[in-house]
Structure formats: C-alpha cells, structure tokens
C-alpha cells in the first residue's frame, strides 16, 4: 500500500511540475529584402578623385545576409575596417565625367530575434576574453572620467553583481531620458549631452548606457543598423536605429534597447536582454577609420554613406532606404 502511494505521489508531482514549467522561448524570425540607395550630387567641376564608403552588412548569429545586387558604374571593393572588423563597401572614381554618382545595394536578410532572459544571477569568476576587454576603451563622445564614474557609482549603489549593475543602469537611462528629437544637439551619441539635456534619440540613450556600464567595469558596445516596421509589407525607412550590448562574465553578450523600452513601456523588461527581429545591423563601434582609410576624421558611427572629394568630406548625398517582406508582391 505504501509503495503504491509513493508511486502515485511521484507521478502526480511529475505531472504538476511538467504543467508548471515555463515553455522555452522560441525566437521569431523575419525575412525581407532591404535596399540601400545613395546618390552623390553636385560634384564640383575639376574634381579629381571621389571616394564613397557604405556599410556592408554581413551574416552573424542573428542575421543571414545575402547581397543580391550592387549597382554602380563606379568600381568597388569590400574591405574590413581594422578596429572592429565591420565590412565596408568602397567605391573609387578618378576624374568623374558626370556631376552625379548613383549607387545601390540590395540585400536579402533573415533576421532572428535575440532572447537572453534566463541570465545567471551569481557572479562568475571566469576570465574575461580579450574580445570583450576591448570594449572597455572610451570613445571620443563617451569618455571615462571622474564625472562619469561618479554618476555610475551613484546609479549602481548597493548592486553586487554585473547583472544587477547593468539592470540598474538600464533602468536609470530609460527613466531619466526622454526620446525627443526637437531642436539641435541630439543624435551624436554624446554622453555629456545625454546627462545634461536628458533627451535625444537612440544614440544618446545608448551612449549613456555604454558609458556608465564601462565606468563600473562592464564592457559594452554600440551597434547600429535600420529598423524594419513591425507591420509586414513594404515601404521606405525613415532613418537608422541603434542599440547596445553588455558583456556578462561567464555568459557572454547581452543586448539592450533602452530607447525602444522608453517608447514601449510595456516592453521595458523585454528589451533588457532581447532584441526583436524587426531590424538589420550594418556596423558596430564608434570613432571608425574605414578601409581604405578616409582622409578626414574618424567617423562617429557608420550607417549612412560617407563621401570624400579630393580628400575632403562631401555632404551632397541623397539617400533612401526601403524594405519588402518576403512573399509580398511588388506594389502591394
């Protein structure tokens, strides 16, 4: 009788545990075509050398990218920038005959949702890899100084682990900043602008997150690309979007999107440790020297075309970006 009761109890307990177990999250995926167009206009008479650099997205754990076409009358090559290894599409033209240069790149992308919500609460003693350590280096507009360190220590006071500190910084950024693109000054990813103005776009949100994370010893990196509208279909994309990742020792890289969390408060917890599938990444890092190197200053970040004429920056560049979900007929 006792043996039978034990067998029944174990069976009931097993069934209860099975019913109560949370189902594993299955990442969503999205497939779409992405078109990147640029038109360099108003080239000055007598221009000798024109260089055009475009970010060249590649496949990784979260996106499968196939370049389906590059359209231009200008010779091009694909290189890697030396600091972070982002791929760069470079066009070079000598003694242009026309005053305009159009270039176009089309991609087929399969993007996967990034989910990292089951994060270890305990501190890890694992050695930090060199790849993560390089993301402790300050950027021109995200310095590591006493002011930033002092703020970071205030924000993370009482937090013991890197995970607790990262979450405290994320919550501080999301609650302190406002997504506000009015006036000027925003959009440079300037941590001091973010601290003082407490508003801006995604670059400003994530400059603050990255800078405060590094100030308490957590490697953090900047990533940029384009958002794809959530509704399936096709259309133009107004501009770029960026996000960040921090390194959790013994686990790996964990994504955050603080500006999307601000815009969607109901997804505040989701965007700490997750990125949706509605995006494509083009490059990583700040203060970039391209390949071949540009004559001008390092780029603050790299998502739009960069052009030099005879070694000087040239800004007469029209650009459009569009998407079409797989299976959507053109024009519908």
C-alpha atoms as a PDB file:
ATOM      1  CA  UNK A   1       0.000   0.000   0.000  1.00  0.00           C
ATOM      2  CA  UNK A   2       2.829   2.387   0.946  1.00  0.00           C
ATOM      3  CA  UNK A   3       4.682   1.505  -2.272  1.00  0.00           C
ATOM      4  CA  UNK A   4       1.576   2.221  -4.347  1.00  0.00           C
ATOM      5  CA  UNK A   5       1.052   5.588  -2.553  1.00  0.00           C
ATOM      6  CA  UNK A   6       4.659   6.579  -3.274  1.00  0.00           C
ATOM      7  CA  UNK A   7       4.323   5.677  -6.957  1.00  0.00           C
ATOM      8  CA  UNK A   8       1.091   7.699  -7.274  1.00  0.00           C
ATOM      9  CA  UNK A   9       2.569  10.685  -5.417  1.00  0.00           C
ATOM     10  CA  UNK A  10       5.658  10.745  -7.618  1.00  0.00           C
ATOM     11  CA  UNK A  11       3.506  10.540 -10.745  1.00  0.00           C
ATOM     12  CA  UNK A  12       1.293  13.415  -9.574  1.00  0.00           C
ATOM     13  CA  UNK A  13       4.313  15.529  -8.620  1.00  0.00           C
ATOM     14  CA  UNK A  14       5.930  14.907 -12.010  1.00  0.00           C
ATOM     15  CA  UNK A  15       2.748  15.921 -13.801  1.00  0.00           C
ATOM     16  CA  UNK A  16       2.382  19.105 -11.724  1.00  0.00           C
ATOM     17  CA  UNK A  17       5.989  20.106 -12.391  1.00  0.00           C
ATOM     18  CA  UNK A  18       5.560  19.452 -16.102  1.00  0.00           C
ATOM     19  CA  UNK A  19       2.431  21.600 -16.243  1.00  0.00           C
ATOM     20  CA  UNK A  20       4.048  24.371 -14.232  1.00  0.00           C
ATOM     21  CA  UNK A  21       7.284  24.536 -16.210  1.00  0.00           C
ATOM     22  CA  UNK A  22       7.624  27.653 -18.319  1.00  0.00           C
ATOM     23  CA  UNK A  23       7.863  26.837 -22.025  1.00  0.00           C
ATOM     24  CA  UNK A  24      11.172  27.683 -23.644  1.00  0.00           C
ATOM     25  CA  UNK A  25      11.063  30.864 -25.692  1.00  0.00           C
ATOM     26  CA  UNK A  26      11.316  30.294 -29.420  1.00  0.00           C
ATOM     27  CA  UNK A  27      12.967  33.203 -31.249  1.00  0.00           C
ATOM     28  CA  UNK A  28      10.857  34.740 -34.001  1.00  0.00           C
ATOM     29  CA  UNK A  29      12.371  35.223 -37.432  1.00  0.00           C
ATOM     30  CA  UNK A  30      11.690  37.581 -40.309  1.00  0.00           C
ATOM     31  CA  UNK A  31      12.835  37.510 -43.940  1.00  0.00           C
ATOM     32  CA  UNK A  32      12.891  40.635 -46.068  1.00  0.00           C
ATOM     33  CA  UNK A  33      14.669  42.452 -48.883  1.00  0.00           C
ATOM     34  CA  UNK A  34      16.486  45.640 -47.967  1.00  0.00           C
ATOM     35  CA  UNK A  35      17.530  48.299 -50.473  1.00  0.00           C
ATOM     36  CA  UNK A  36      20.155  50.936 -49.723  1.00  0.00           C
ATOM     37  CA  UNK A  37      20.366  53.764 -52.277  1.00  0.00           C
ATOM     38  CA  UNK A  38      22.692  56.751 -52.392  1.00  0.00           C
ATOM     39  CA  UNK A  39      23.129  59.473 -54.987  1.00  0.00           C
ATOM     40  CA  UNK A  40      26.124  61.790 -54.814  1.00  0.00           C
ATOM     41  CA  UNK A  41      25.110  65.077 -56.436  1.00  0.00           C
ATOM     42  CA  UNK A  42      26.697  68.397 -57.338  1.00  0.00           C
ATOM     43  CA  UNK A  43      30.230  67.150 -57.793  1.00  0.00           C
ATOM     44  CA  UNK A  44      32.414  70.222 -58.356  1.00  0.00           C
ATOM     45  CA  UNK A  45      33.921  70.794 -61.773  1.00  0.00           C
ATOM     46  CA  UNK A  46      37.528  69.708 -61.822  1.00  0.00           C
ATOM     47  CA  UNK A  47      37.080  67.079 -59.102  1.00  0.00           C
ATOM     48  CA  UNK A  48      39.855  64.526 -59.447  1.00  0.00           C
ATOM     49  CA  UNK A  49      39.185  61.691 -57.005  1.00  0.00           C
ATOM     50  CA  UNK A  50      35.873  60.639 -55.469  1.00  0.00           C
ATOM     51  CA  UNK A  51      35.678  58.045 -52.690  1.00  0.00           C
ATOM     52  CA  UNK A  52      32.415  56.608 -51.403  1.00  0.00           C
ATOM     53  CA  UNK A  53      32.122  54.279 -48.395  1.00  0.00           C
ATOM     54  CA  UNK A  54      28.969  52.336 -47.469  1.00  0.00           C
ATOM     55  CA  UNK A  55      28.479  49.934 -44.561  1.00  0.00           C
ATOM     56  CA  UNK A  56      28.362  46.374 -45.861  1.00  0.00           C
ATOM     57  CA  UNK A  57      26.250  44.142 -43.587  1.00  0.00           C
ATOM     58  CA  UNK A  58      27.343  40.553 -43.046  1.00  0.00           C
ATOM     59  CA  UNK A  59      25.905  37.373 -41.557  1.00  0.00           C
ATOM     60  CA  UNK A  60      26.285  36.541 -37.871  1.00  0.00           C
ATOM     61  CA  UNK A  61      24.381  34.623 -35.194  1.00  0.00           C
ATOM     62  CA  UNK A  62      21.328  36.876 -35.549  1.00  0.00           C
ATOM     63  CA  UNK A  63      21.127  37.588 -39.264  1.00  0.00           C
ATOM     64  CA  UNK A  64      21.744  35.795 -42.510  1.00  0.00           C
ATOM     65  CA  UNK A  65      22.611  38.361 -45.167  1.00  0.00           C
ATOM     66  CA  UNK A  66      22.918  37.735 -48.886  1.00  0.00           C
ATOM     67  CA  UNK A  67      23.954  40.656 -51.064  1.00  0.00           C
ATOM     68  CA  UNK A  68      21.722  40.214 -54.104  1.00  0.00           C
ATOM     69  CA  UNK A  69      23.000  43.180 -56.071  1.00  0.00           C
ATOM     70  CA  UNK A  70      25.366  46.135 -56.192  1.00  0.00           C
ATOM     71  CA  UNK A  71      24.539  48.656 -58.888  1.00  0.00           C
ATOM     72  CA  UNK A  72      27.036  51.332 -59.837  1.00  0.00           C
ATOM     73  CA  UNK A  73      29.145  52.455 -62.759  1.00  0.00           C
ATOM     74  CA  UNK A  74      31.981  53.022 -60.287  1.00  0.00           C
ATOM     75  CA  UNK A  75      34.472  50.232 -59.446  1.00  0.00           C
ATOM     76  CA  UNK A  76      34.113  48.903 -55.906  1.00  0.00           C
ATOM     77  CA  UNK A  77      35.730  46.603 -53.374  1.00  0.00           C
ATOM     78  CA  UNK A  78      34.782  45.128 -49.994  1.00  0.00           C
ATOM     79  CA  UNK A  79      37.207  45.602 -47.092  1.00  0.00           C
ATOM     80  CA  UNK A  80      37.148  45.375 -43.298  1.00  0.00           C
ATOM     81  CA  UNK A  81      37.762  48.342 -41.022  1.00  0.00           C
ATOM     82  CA  UNK A  82      40.700  47.437 -38.783  1.00  0.00           C
ATOM     83  CA  UNK A  83      39.411  48.170 -35.289  1.00  0.00           C
ATOM     84  CA  UNK A  84      36.194  46.150 -35.008  1.00  0.00           C
ATOM     85  CA  UNK A  85      36.123  44.255 -38.278  1.00  0.00           C
ATOM     86  CA  UNK A  86      32.960  45.754 -39.794  1.00  0.00           C
ATOM     87  CA  UNK A  87      32.804  45.253 -43.551  1.00  0.00           C
ATOM     88  CA  UNK A  88      32.994  48.324 -45.772  1.00  0.00           C
ATOM     89  CA  UNK A  89      31.911  48.760 -49.380  1.00  0.00           C
ATOM     90  CA  UNK A  90      34.258  51.238 -51.086  1.00  0.00           C
ATOM     91  CA  UNK A  91      33.729  52.918 -54.467  1.00  0.00           C
ATOM     92  CA  UNK A  92      36.555  54.900 -56.086  1.00  0.00           C
ATOM     93  CA  UNK A  93      36.318  57.099 -59.160  1.00  0.00           C
ATOM     94  CA  UNK A  94      39.005  59.219 -60.810  1.00  0.00           C
ATOM     95  CA  UNK A  95      38.210  62.285 -62.938  1.00  0.00           C
ATOM     96  CA  UNK A  96      34.403  61.876 -62.948  1.00  0.00           C
ATOM     97  CA  UNK A  97      32.684  62.944 -66.152  1.00  0.00           C
ATOM     98  CA  UNK A  98      29.233  63.322 -64.585  1.00  0.00           C
ATOM     99  CA  UNK A  99      28.136  65.546 -61.707  1.00  0.00           C
ATOM    100  CA  UNK A 100      26.151  62.712 -60.095  1.00  0.00           C
ATOM    101  CA  UNK A 101      27.088  59.225 -58.961  1.00  0.00           C
ATOM    102  CA  UNK A 102      24.281  56.786 -58.066  1.00  0.00           C
ATOM    103  CA  UNK A 103      24.994  53.607 -56.089  1.00  0.00           C
ATOM    104  CA  UNK A 104      22.603  50.932 -54.899  1.00  0.00           C
ATOM    105  CA  UNK A 105      22.925  47.803 -52.770  1.00  0.00           C
ATOM    106  CA  UNK A 106      20.185  45.208 -52.317  1.00  0.00           C
ATOM    107  CA  UNK A 107      20.126  42.545 -49.620  1.00  0.00           C
ATOM    108  CA  UNK A 108      18.097  39.503 -48.700  1.00  0.00           C
ATOM    109  CA  UNK A 109      18.009  39.288 -44.899  1.00  0.00           C
ATOM    110  CA  UNK A 110      16.747  36.658 -42.494  1.00  0.00           C
ATOM    111  CA  UNK A 111      16.824  38.173 -39.031  1.00  0.00           C
ATOM    112  CA  UNK A 112      16.330  36.234 -35.788  1.00  0.00           C
ATOM    113  CA  UNK A 113      15.001  37.590 -32.519  1.00  0.00           C
ATOM    114  CA  UNK A 114      17.681  37.681 -29.812  1.00  0.00           C
ATOM    115  CA  UNK A 115      16.458  36.342 -26.449  1.00  0.00           C
ATOM    116  CA  UNK A 116      18.601  36.342 -23.306  1.00  0.00           C
ATOM    117  CA  UNK A 117      16.186  36.454 -20.390  1.00  0.00           C
ATOM    118  CA  UNK A 118      17.466  33.456 -18.442  1.00  0.00           C
ATOM    119  CA  UNK A 119      20.578  35.214 -17.149  1.00  0.00           C
ATOM    120  CA  UNK A 120      22.756  33.893 -14.310  1.00  0.00           C
ATOM    121  CA  UNK A 121      22.283  35.831 -11.096  1.00  0.00           C
ATOM    122  CA  UNK A 122      25.561  34.740  -9.498  1.00  0.00           C
ATOM    123  CA  UNK A 123      28.890  36.412 -10.121  1.00  0.00           C
ATOM    124  CA  UNK A 124      31.211  34.445 -12.422  1.00  0.00           C
ATOM    125  CA  UNK A 125      34.947  34.127 -11.860  1.00  0.00           C
ATOM    126  CA  UNK A 126      35.607  33.160 -15.471  1.00  0.00           C
ATOM    127  CA  UNK A 127      38.382  35.066 -17.212  1.00  0.00           C
ATOM    128  CA  UNK A 128      37.159  37.848 -19.472  1.00  0.00           C
ATOM    129  CA  UNK A 129      38.119  37.259 -23.126  1.00  0.00           C
ATOM    130  CA  UNK A 130      40.209  39.828 -24.970  1.00  0.00           C
ATOM    131  CA  UNK A 131      37.348  40.457 -27.418  1.00  0.00           C
ATOM    132  CA  UNK A 132      35.215  41.749 -24.560  1.00  0.00           C
ATOM    133  CA  UNK A 133      38.021  43.712 -22.914  1.00  0.00           C
ATOM    134  CA  UNK A 134      38.486  45.914 -25.990  1.00  0.00           C
ATOM    135  CA  UNK A 135      35.004  47.324 -25.384  1.00  0.00           C
ATOM    136  CA  UNK A 136      36.202  48.994 -22.196  1.00  0.00           C
ATOM    137  CA  UNK A 137      38.025  51.610 -24.289  1.00  0.00           C
ATOM    138  CA  UNK A 138      36.432  55.091 -24.146  1.00  0.00           C
ATOM    139  CA  UNK A 139      35.103  56.808 -27.260  1.00  0.00           C
ATOM    140  CA  UNK A 140      35.539  60.463 -28.167  1.00  0.00           C
ATOM    141  CA  UNK A 141      31.978  61.306 -27.085  1.00  0.00           C
ATOM    142  CA  UNK A 142      31.756  58.578 -24.432  1.00  0.00           C
ATOM    143  CA  UNK A 143      34.784  59.272 -22.221  1.00  0.00           C
ATOM    144  CA  UNK A 144      35.706  57.547 -18.977  1.00  0.00           C
ATOM    145  CA  UNK A 145      36.390  60.304 -16.481  1.00  0.00           C
ATOM    146  CA  UNK A 146      35.703  61.098 -12.839  1.00  0.00           C
ATOM    147  CA  UNK A 147      32.338  62.722 -13.568  1.00  0.00           C
ATOM    148  CA  UNK A 148      31.031  59.686 -15.409  1.00  0.00           C
ATOM    149  CA  UNK A 149      32.485  57.273 -12.836  1.00  0.00           C
ATOM    150  CA  UNK A 150      30.847  59.211 -10.011  1.00  0.00           C
ATOM    151  CA  UNK A 151      27.440  59.080 -11.694  1.00  0.00           C
ATOM    152  CA  UNK A 152      27.856  55.366 -12.466  1.00  0.00           C
ATOM    153  CA  UNK A 153      28.657  54.622  -8.822  1.00  0.00           C
ATOM    154  CA  UNK A 154      25.556  56.539  -7.706  1.00  0.00           C
ATOM    155  CA  UNK A 155      23.333  54.674 -10.163  1.00  0.00           C
ATOM    156  CA  UNK A 156      24.679  51.252  -9.152  1.00  0.00           C
ATOM    157  CA  UNK A 157      24.972  51.859  -5.387  1.00  0.00           C
ATOM    158  CA  UNK A 158      24.170  48.696  -3.437  1.00  0.00           C
ATOM    159  CA  UNK A 159      24.321  46.438  -6.503  1.00  0.00           C
ATOM    160  CA  UNK A 160      26.671  43.483  -6.138  1.00  0.00           C
ATOM    161  CA  UNK A 161      26.832  41.683  -9.491  1.00  0.00           C
ATOM    162  CA  UNK A 162      27.418  42.943 -13.024  1.00  0.00           C
ATOM    163  CA  UNK A 163      23.905  41.839 -13.951  1.00  0.00           C
ATOM    164  CA  UNK A 164      22.403  43.916 -11.133  1.00  0.00           C
ATOM    165  CA  UNK A 165      24.546  46.900 -12.109  1.00  0.00           C
ATOM    166  CA  UNK A 166      23.648  46.639 -15.795  1.00  0.00           C
ATOM    167  CA  UNK A 167      19.944  46.479 -14.950  1.00  0.00           C
ATOM    168  CA  UNK A 168      20.243  49.495 -12.630  1.00  0.00           C
ATOM    169  CA  UNK A 169      21.952  51.477 -15.422  1.00  0.00           C
ATOM    170  CA  UNK A 170      19.348  50.392 -17.969  1.00  0.00           C
ATOM    171  CA  UNK A 171      16.509  51.440 -15.648  1.00  0.00           C
ATOM    172  CA  UNK A 172      18.223  54.773 -14.958  1.00  0.00           C
ATOM    173  CA  UNK A 173      18.630  55.523 -18.670  1.00  0.00           C
ATOM    174  CA  UNK A 174      15.073  54.531 -19.512  1.00  0.00           C
ATOM    175  CA  UNK A 175      13.577  56.567 -16.644  1.00  0.00           C
ATOM    176  CA  UNK A 176      15.868  59.619 -16.891  1.00  0.00           C
ATOM    177  CA  UNK A 177      15.988  60.129 -20.664  1.00  0.00           C
ATOM    178  CA  UNK A 178      13.186  61.231 -22.986  1.00  0.00           C
ATOM    179  CA  UNK A 179      13.015  60.276 -26.647  1.00  0.00           C
ATOM    180  CA  UNK A 180      12.886  63.809 -28.020  1.00  0.00           C
ATOM    181  CA  UNK A 181      14.409  64.934 -31.312  1.00  0.00           C
ATOM    182  CA  UNK A 182      13.335  68.557 -31.147  1.00  0.00           C
ATOM    183  CA  UNK A 183      15.870  71.322 -31.659  1.00  0.00           C
ATOM    184  CA  UNK A 184      19.553  70.531 -32.068  1.00  0.00           C
ATOM    185  CA  UNK A 185      22.283  68.719 -30.168  1.00  0.00           C
ATOM    186  CA  UNK A 186      20.749  65.257 -30.174  1.00  0.00           C
ATOM    187  CA  UNK A 187      21.826  62.335 -32.367  1.00  0.00           C
ATOM    188  CA  UNK A 188      25.580  62.442 -31.765  1.00  0.00           C
ATOM    189  CA  UNK A 189      25.726  59.789 -29.066  1.00  0.00           C
ATOM    190  CA  UNK A 190      27.298  62.296 -26.667  1.00  0.00           C
ATOM    191  CA  UNK A 191      27.173  61.105 -23.050  1.00  0.00           C
ATOM    192  CA  UNK A 192      27.509  64.632 -21.682  1.00  0.00           C
ATOM    193  CA  UNK A 193      24.630  65.824 -23.853  1.00  0.00           C
ATOM    194  CA  UNK A 194      22.572  62.923 -22.514  1.00  0.00           C
ATOM    195  CA  UNK A 195      23.498  63.730 -18.900  1.00  0.00           C
ATOM    196  CA  UNK A 196      22.698  67.437 -19.266  1.00  0.00           C
ATOM    197  CA  UNK A 197      19.773  67.540 -21.700  1.00  0.00           C
ATOM    198  CA  UNK A 198      18.293  64.183 -20.638  1.00  0.00           C
ATOM    199  CA  UNK A 199      16.776  63.725 -24.066  1.00  0.00           C
ATOM    200  CA  UNK A 200      17.709  62.641 -27.573  1.00  0.00           C
ATOM    201  CA  UNK A 201      17.491  59.661 -29.877  1.00  0.00           C
ATOM    202  CA  UNK A 202      18.793  56.113 -29.676  1.00  0.00           C
ATOM    203  CA  UNK A 203      22.453  57.203 -29.948  1.00  0.00           C
ATOM    204  CA  UNK A 204      22.099  59.399 -26.881  1.00  0.00           C
ATOM    205  CA  UNK A 205      20.254  56.748 -24.856  1.00  0.00           C
ATOM    206  CA  UNK A 206      22.896  54.145 -25.591  1.00  0.00           C
ATOM    207  CA  UNK A 207      25.876  56.460 -25.169  1.00  0.00           C
ATOM    208  CA  UNK A 208      24.669  56.905 -21.601  1.00  0.00           C
ATOM    209  CA  UNK A 209      24.147  53.178 -21.071  1.00  0.00           C
ATOM    210  CA  UNK A 210      27.505  52.244 -22.582  1.00  0.00           C
ATOM    211  CA  UNK A 211      29.475  54.930 -20.760  1.00  0.00           C
ATOM    212  CA  UNK A 212      28.008  54.160 -17.334  1.00  0.00           C
ATOM    213  CA  UNK A 213      28.497  50.424 -17.869  1.00  0.00           C
ATOM    214  CA  UNK A 214      32.160  50.828 -18.754  1.00  0.00           C
ATOM    215  CA  UNK A 215      32.627  53.134 -15.775  1.00  0.00           C
ATOM    216  CA  UNK A 216      31.748  50.275 -13.399  1.00  0.00           C
ATOM    217  CA  UNK A 217      33.879  47.756 -15.280  1.00  0.00           C
ATOM    218  CA  UNK A 218      31.297  46.231 -17.618  1.00  0.00           C
ATOM    219  CA  UNK A 219      32.320  46.033 -21.303  1.00  0.00           C
ATOM    220  CA  UNK A 220      29.637  47.488 -23.578  1.00  0.00           C
ATOM    221  CA  UNK A 221      29.427  48.026 -27.322  1.00  0.00           C
ATOM    222  CA  UNK A 222      27.456  50.108 -29.790  1.00  0.00           C
ATOM    223  CA  UNK A 223      25.602  48.544 -32.727  1.00  0.00           C
ATOM    224  CA  UNK A 224      23.711  50.319 -35.499  1.00  0.00           C
ATOM    225  CA  UNK A 225      21.531  49.494 -38.466  1.00  0.00           C
ATOM    226  CA  UNK A 226      17.960  50.111 -39.580  1.00  0.00           C
ATOM    227  CA  UNK A 227      14.580  49.372 -38.032  1.00  0.00           C
ATOM    228  CA  UNK A 228      12.068  47.433 -40.101  1.00  0.00           C
ATOM    229  CA  UNK A 229       8.430  48.449 -39.457  1.00  0.00           C
ATOM    230  CA  UNK A 230       6.597  45.862 -37.409  1.00  0.00           C
ATOM    231  CA  UNK A 231       3.728  45.533 -39.893  1.00  0.00           C
ATOM    232  CA  UNK A 232       4.575  43.097 -42.660  1.00  0.00           C
ATOM    233  CA  UNK A 233       4.632  44.646 -46.108  1.00  0.00           C
ATOM    234  CA  UNK A 234       6.927  47.099 -47.851  1.00  0.00           C
ATOM    235  CA  UNK A 235       7.892  50.747 -47.801  1.00  0.00           C
ATOM    236  CA  UNK A 236      10.556  53.308 -47.064  1.00  0.00           C
ATOM    237  CA  UNK A 237      12.520  53.517 -43.818  1.00  0.00           C
ATOM    238  CA  UNK A 238      12.992  56.972 -42.350  1.00  0.00           C
ATOM    239  CA  UNK A 239      16.355  56.529 -40.677  1.00  0.00           C
ATOM    240  CA  UNK A 240      18.734  54.447 -38.622  1.00  0.00           C
ATOM    241  CA  UNK A 241      18.336  52.745 -35.252  1.00  0.00           C
ATOM    242  CA  UNK A 242      20.977  51.686 -32.742  1.00  0.00           C
ATOM    243  CA  UNK A 243      21.198  49.571 -29.613  1.00  0.00           C
ATOM    244  CA  UNK A 244      23.853  48.212 -27.252  1.00  0.00           C
ATOM    245  CA  UNK A 245      25.221  45.024 -25.742  1.00  0.00           C
ATOM    246  CA  UNK A 246      26.985  44.488 -22.426  1.00  0.00           C
ATOM    247  CA  UNK A 247      29.279  41.603 -21.527  1.00  0.00           C
ATOM    248  CA  UNK A 248      28.248  39.354 -18.659  1.00  0.00           C
ATOM    249  CA  UNK A 249      31.241  37.390 -17.436  1.00  0.00           C
ATOM    250  CA  UNK A 250      30.788  33.637 -17.763  1.00  0.00           C
ATOM    251  CA  UNK A 251      27.742  34.104 -20.018  1.00  0.00           C
ATOM    252  CA  UNK A 252      28.510  36.348 -22.987  1.00  0.00           C
ATOM    253  CA  UNK A 253      26.977  39.373 -24.697  1.00  0.00           C
ATOM    254  CA  UNK A 254      23.524  40.560 -23.617  1.00  0.00           C
ATOM    255  CA  UNK A 255      21.536  43.040 -25.770  1.00  0.00           C
ATOM    256  CA  UNK A 256      19.588  46.077 -24.569  1.00  0.00           C
ATOM    257  CA  UNK A 257      17.450  48.610 -26.394  1.00  0.00           C
ATOM    258  CA  UNK A 258      16.742  51.398 -23.929  1.00  0.00           C
ATOM    259  CA  UNK A 259      15.181  53.832 -26.405  1.00  0.00           C
ATOM    260  CA  UNK A 260      12.663  51.233 -27.601  1.00  0.00           C
ATOM    261  CA  UNK A 261      11.886  50.478 -23.955  1.00  0.00           C
ATOM    262  CA  UNK A 262      11.147  54.186 -23.441  1.00  0.00           C
ATOM    263  CA  UNK A 263       8.817  54.200 -26.445  1.00  0.00           C
ATOM    264  CA  UNK A 264       7.137  50.955 -25.337  1.00  0.00           C
ATOM    265  CA  UNK A 265       6.995  50.903 -21.518  1.00  0.00           C
ATOM    266  CA  UNK A 266       5.145  47.592 -21.564  1.00  0.00           C
ATOM    267  CA  UNK A 267       8.299  46.063 -23.094  1.00  0.00           C
ATOM    268  CA  UNK A 268      10.757  47.505 -20.572  1.00  0.00           C
ATOM    269  CA  UNK A 269      11.662  44.071 -19.226  1.00  0.00           C
ATOM    270  CA  UNK A 270      11.729  42.536 -22.716  1.00  0.00           C
ATOM    271  CA  UNK A 271      14.326  44.965 -24.100  1.00  0.00           C
ATOM    272  CA  UNK A 272      16.726  44.191 -21.260  1.00  0.00           C
ATOM    273  CA  UNK A 273      18.165  41.004 -22.727  1.00  0.00           C
ATOM    274  CA  UNK A 274      16.333  40.909 -26.048  1.00  0.00           C
ATOM    275  CA  UNK A 275      16.142  42.447 -29.489  1.00  0.00           C
ATOM    276  CA  UNK A 276      13.181  41.911 -31.768  1.00  0.00           C
ATOM    277  CA  UNK A 277      13.579  40.596 -35.289  1.00  0.00           C
ATOM    278  CA  UNK A 278      12.495  43.893 -36.870  1.00  0.00           C
ATOM    279  CA  UNK A 279      15.945  45.276 -37.678  1.00  0.00           C
ATOM    280  CA  UNK A 280      19.105  44.746 -39.687  1.00  0.00           C
ATOM    281  CA  UNK A 281      22.574  45.506 -38.316  1.00  0.00           C
ATOM    282  CA  UNK A 282      25.113  47.295 -40.515  1.00  0.00           C
ATOM    283  CA  UNK A 283      28.116  48.088 -38.310  1.00  0.00           C
ATOM    284  CA  UNK A 284      29.468  48.243 -34.767  1.00  0.00           C
ATOM    285  CA  UNK A 285      31.593  50.666 -32.783  1.00  0.00           C
ATOM    286  CA  UNK A 286      32.418  54.359 -32.744  1.00  0.00           C
ATOM    287  CA  UNK A 287      35.315  56.546 -33.959  1.00  0.00           C
ATOM    288  CA  UNK A 288      35.818  54.440 -37.057  1.00  0.00           C
ATOM    289  CA  UNK A 289      38.676  54.547 -39.525  1.00  0.00           C
ATOM    290  CA  UNK A 290      37.360  52.952 -42.698  1.00  0.00           C
ATOM    291  CA  UNK A 291      39.094  50.714 -45.214  1.00  0.00           C
ATOM    292  CA  UNK A 292      40.832  52.116 -47.122  1.00  0.00           C
ATOM    293  CA  UNK A 293      41.283  54.905 -44.547  1.00  0.00           C
ATOM    294  CA  UNK A 294      39.456  58.155 -45.153  1.00  0.00           C
ATOM    295  CA  UNK A 295      41.449  61.385 -45.146  1.00  0.00           C
ATOM    296  CA  UNK A 296      39.007  63.009 -42.742  1.00  0.00           C
ATOM    297  CA  UNK A 297      38.479  62.408 -39.044  1.00  0.00           C
ATOM    298  CA  UNK A 298      37.283  59.033 -37.704  1.00  0.00           C
ATOM    299  CA  UNK A 299      33.529  58.568 -38.162  1.00  0.00           C
ATOM    300  CA  UNK A 300      31.391  58.991 -35.064  1.00  0.00           C
ATOM    301  CA  UNK A 301      29.408  55.961 -36.248  1.00  0.00           C
ATOM    302  CA  UNK A 302      28.845  54.360 -39.638  1.00  0.00           C
ATOM    303  CA  UNK A 303      25.406  53.810 -41.072  1.00  0.00           C
ATOM    304  CA  UNK A 304      24.974  56.418 -43.830  1.00  0.00           C
ATOM    305  CA  UNK A 305      27.208  56.883 -46.910  1.00  0.00           C
ATOM    306  CA  UNK A 306      30.446  58.735 -46.319  1.00  0.00           C
ATOM    307  CA  UNK A 307      31.952  60.615 -49.276  1.00  0.00           C
ATOM    308  CA  UNK A 308      35.209  62.450 -49.860  1.00  0.00           C
ATOM    309  CA  UNK A 309      36.129  64.515 -52.906  1.00  0.00           C
ATOM    310  CA  UNK A 310      39.867  65.039 -53.302  1.00  0.00           C
ATOM    311  CA  UNK A 311      40.380  64.043 -49.673  1.00  0.00           C
ATOM    312  CA  UNK A 312      37.754  66.368 -48.180  1.00  0.00           C
ATOM    313  CA  UNK A 313      34.363  65.356 -46.730  1.00  0.00           C
ATOM    314  CA  UNK A 314      31.496  65.923 -49.160  1.00  0.00           C
ATOM    315  CA  UNK A 315      27.915  66.031 -47.893  1.00  0.00           C
ATOM    316  CA  UNK A 316      25.756  66.390 -51.014  1.00  0.00           C
ATOM    317  CA  UNK A 317      24.420  62.861 -50.732  1.00  0.00           C
ATOM    318  CA  UNK A 318      20.775  61.909 -51.201  1.00  0.00           C
ATOM    319  CA  UNK A 319      19.852  58.587 -49.608  1.00  0.00           C
ATOM    320  CA  UNK A 320      16.803  56.341 -49.402  1.00  0.00           C
ATOM    321  CA  UNK A 321      16.242  53.026 -47.660  1.00  0.00           C
ATOM    322  CA  UNK A 322      13.401  50.600 -48.187  1.00  0.00           C
ATOM    323  CA  UNK A 323      12.276  47.081 -47.334  1.00  0.00           C
ATOM    324  CA  UNK A 324       9.932  44.431 -48.684  1.00  0.00           C
ATOM    325  CA  UNK A 325       8.963  41.369 -46.697  1.00  0.00           C
ATOM    326  CA  UNK A 326       9.474  38.016 -48.344  1.00  0.00           C
ATOM    327  CA  UNK A 327       6.334  36.891 -50.126  1.00  0.00           C
ATOM    328  CA  UNK A 328       4.971  40.409 -50.625  1.00  0.00           C
ATOM    329  CA  UNK A 329       4.290  41.259 -54.235  1.00  0.00           C
ATOM    330  CA  UNK A 330       5.813  44.479 -55.524  1.00  0.00           C
ATOM    331  CA  UNK A 331       3.438  47.427 -55.380  1.00  0.00           C
ATOM    332  CA  UNK A 332       1.018  45.778 -52.972  1.00  0.00           C
END
